[in-house]
């Protein structure tokens, strides 16, 4: 069943991207207009979408560090064990 869902989403990738952008915009509007930011601990937390941006950038850093660490010798070529 999960393979059918993945295949369905692959064939409609453009629609999935538009839906994702729409959800992101709605969350940013919700964050900017409706959330109470008077108890924020730092100035950055008062910015709309700060935690979304922080989470995204953290994921990007983790991905690049993982790739860099893997190329240092953790991963081996496919022919290494032959």
C-alpha atoms as a PDB file:
ATOM      1  CA  UNK A   1       0.000   0.000   0.000  1.00  0.00           C
ATOM      2  CA  UNK A   2       2.800   2.436   0.874  1.00  0.00           C
ATOM      3  CA  UNK A   3       4.407   1.775  -2.514  1.00  0.00           C
ATOM      4  CA  UNK A   4       1.184   2.798  -4.235  1.00  0.00           C
ATOM      5  CA  UNK A   5       1.145   6.059  -2.274  1.00  0.00           C
ATOM      6  CA  UNK A   6       4.775   6.795  -3.138  1.00  0.00           C
ATOM      7  CA  UNK A   7       4.177   6.064  -6.807  1.00  0.00           C
ATOM      8  CA  UNK A   8       1.055   8.257  -6.769  1.00  0.00           C
ATOM      9  CA  UNK A   9       3.048  11.146  -5.288  1.00  0.00           C
ATOM     10  CA  UNK A  10       5.907  10.651  -7.770  1.00  0.00           C
ATOM     11  CA  UNK A  11       3.566  10.950 -10.727  1.00  0.00           C
ATOM     12  CA  UNK A  12       2.076  14.146  -9.264  1.00  0.00           C
ATOM     13  CA  UNK A  13       5.262  15.806  -8.029  1.00  0.00           C
ATOM     14  CA  UNK A  14       4.228  19.289  -9.199  1.00  0.00           C
ATOM     15  CA  UNK A  15       1.007  19.097  -7.202  1.00  0.00           C
ATOM     16  CA  UNK A  16       2.892  17.883  -4.138  1.00  0.00           C
ATOM     17  CA  UNK A  17       5.325  20.797  -4.360  1.00  0.00           C
ATOM     18  CA  UNK A  18       2.484  23.330  -4.684  1.00  0.00           C
ATOM     19  CA  UNK A  19       0.693  21.813  -1.686  1.00  0.00           C
ATOM     20  CA  UNK A  20       3.921  21.964   0.343  1.00  0.00           C
ATOM     21  CA  UNK A  21       4.443  25.640  -0.531  1.00  0.00           C
ATOM     22  CA  UNK A  22       0.832  26.380   0.398  1.00  0.00           C
ATOM     23  CA  UNK A  23       1.180  24.690   3.779  1.00  0.00           C
ATOM     24  CA  UNK A  24       4.428  26.587   4.397  1.00  0.00           C
ATOM     25  CA  UNK A  25       2.790  29.917   3.583  1.00  0.00           C
ATOM     26  CA  UNK A  26      -0.194  29.154   5.818  1.00  0.00           C
ATOM     27  CA  UNK A  27       2.110  28.229   8.703  1.00  0.00           C
ATOM     28  CA  UNK A  28       4.111  31.428   8.275  1.00  0.00           C
ATOM     29  CA  UNK A  29       0.915  33.506   8.263  1.00  0.00           C
ATOM     30  CA  UNK A  30      -0.305  31.670  11.357  1.00  0.00           C
ATOM     31  CA  UNK A  31       3.056  32.248  13.049  1.00  0.00           C
ATOM     32  CA  UNK A  32       3.194  35.932  12.124  1.00  0.00           C
ATOM     33  CA  UNK A  33      -0.372  36.890  12.987  1.00  0.00           C
ATOM     34  CA  UNK A  34      -1.800  34.550  15.585  1.00  0.00           C
ATOM     35  CA  UNK A  35       0.978  33.355  17.888  1.00  0.00           C
ATOM     36  CA  UNK A  36       1.814  35.270  21.045  1.00  0.00           C
ATOM     37  CA  UNK A  37       5.499  36.169  21.016  1.00  0.00           C
ATOM     38  CA  UNK A  38       5.609  38.247  24.185  1.00  0.00           C
ATOM     39  CA  UNK A  39       7.294  35.433  26.127  1.00  0.00           C
ATOM     40  CA  UNK A  40      10.037  34.789  23.575  1.00  0.00           C
ATOM     41  CA  UNK A  41      13.422  34.257  25.174  1.00  0.00           C
ATOM     42  CA  UNK A  42      15.539  35.854  22.424  1.00  0.00           C
ATOM     43  CA  UNK A  43      15.052  38.450  19.708  1.00  0.00           C
ATOM     44  CA  UNK A  44      15.287  35.772  17.022  1.00  0.00           C
ATOM     45  CA  UNK A  45      12.252  33.932  18.373  1.00  0.00           C
ATOM     46  CA  UNK A  46      10.151  37.028  17.668  1.00  0.00           C
ATOM     47  CA  UNK A  47      10.834  36.701  13.922  1.00  0.00           C
ATOM     48  CA  UNK A  48       8.056  35.014  11.936  1.00  0.00           C
ATOM     49  CA  UNK A  49       9.085  31.527  10.878  1.00  0.00           C
ATOM     50  CA  UNK A  50      12.298  31.485  12.915  1.00  0.00           C
ATOM     51  CA  UNK A  51      11.944  27.903  14.129  1.00  0.00           C
ATOM     52  CA  UNK A  52      11.009  26.639  10.661  1.00  0.00           C
ATOM     53  CA  UNK A  53      14.088  28.298   9.192  1.00  0.00           C
ATOM     54  CA  UNK A  54      16.248  27.086  12.064  1.00  0.00           C
ATOM     55  CA  UNK A  55      15.050  23.500  11.600  1.00  0.00           C
ATOM     56  CA  UNK A  56      15.564  23.609   7.832  1.00  0.00           C
ATOM     57  CA  UNK A  57      19.084  25.001   8.108  1.00  0.00           C
ATOM     58  CA  UNK A  58      19.924  22.458  10.811  1.00  0.00           C
ATOM     59  CA  UNK A  59      18.849  19.626   8.518  1.00  0.00           C
ATOM     60  CA  UNK A  60      20.929  21.030   5.666  1.00  0.00           C
ATOM     61  CA  UNK A  61      23.988  21.248   7.929  1.00  0.00           C
ATOM     62  CA  UNK A  62      23.472  17.678   9.170  1.00  0.00           C
ATOM     63  CA  UNK A  63      23.194  16.382   5.597  1.00  0.00           C
ATOM     64  CA  UNK A  64      26.362  18.128   4.423  1.00  0.00           C
ATOM     65  CA  UNK A  65      28.330  17.099   7.506  1.00  0.00           C
ATOM     66  CA  UNK A  66      27.194  13.502   7.066  1.00  0.00           C
ATOM     67  CA  UNK A  67      28.286  13.465   3.428  1.00  0.00           C
ATOM     68  CA  UNK A  68      31.634  15.036   4.314  1.00  0.00           C
ATOM     69  CA  UNK A  69      32.168  12.558   7.155  1.00  0.00           C
ATOM     70  CA  UNK A  70      31.245   9.649   4.908  1.00  0.00           C
ATOM     71  CA  UNK A  71      33.779  10.697   2.293  1.00  0.00           C
ATOM     72  CA  UNK A  72      36.552  10.747   4.901  1.00  0.00           C
ATOM     73  CA  UNK A  73      36.699   6.983   4.803  1.00  0.00           C
ATOM     74  CA  UNK A  74      33.578   5.687   6.477  1.00  0.00           C
ATOM     75  CA  UNK A  75      32.141   4.536   3.174  1.00  0.00           C
ATOM     76  CA  UNK A  76      34.047   2.201   0.883  1.00  0.00           C
ATOM     77  CA  UNK A  77      33.839   1.728  -2.870  1.00  0.00           C
ATOM     78  CA  UNK A  78      31.675  -1.106  -4.106  1.00  0.00           C
ATOM     79  CA  UNK A  79      34.757  -3.020  -5.272  1.00  0.00           C
ATOM     80  CA  UNK A  80      36.559  -2.682  -1.921  1.00  0.00           C
ATOM     81  CA  UNK A  81      35.702  -6.155  -0.666  1.00  0.00           C
ATOM     82  CA  UNK A  82      36.301  -7.985  -3.966  1.00  0.00           C
END
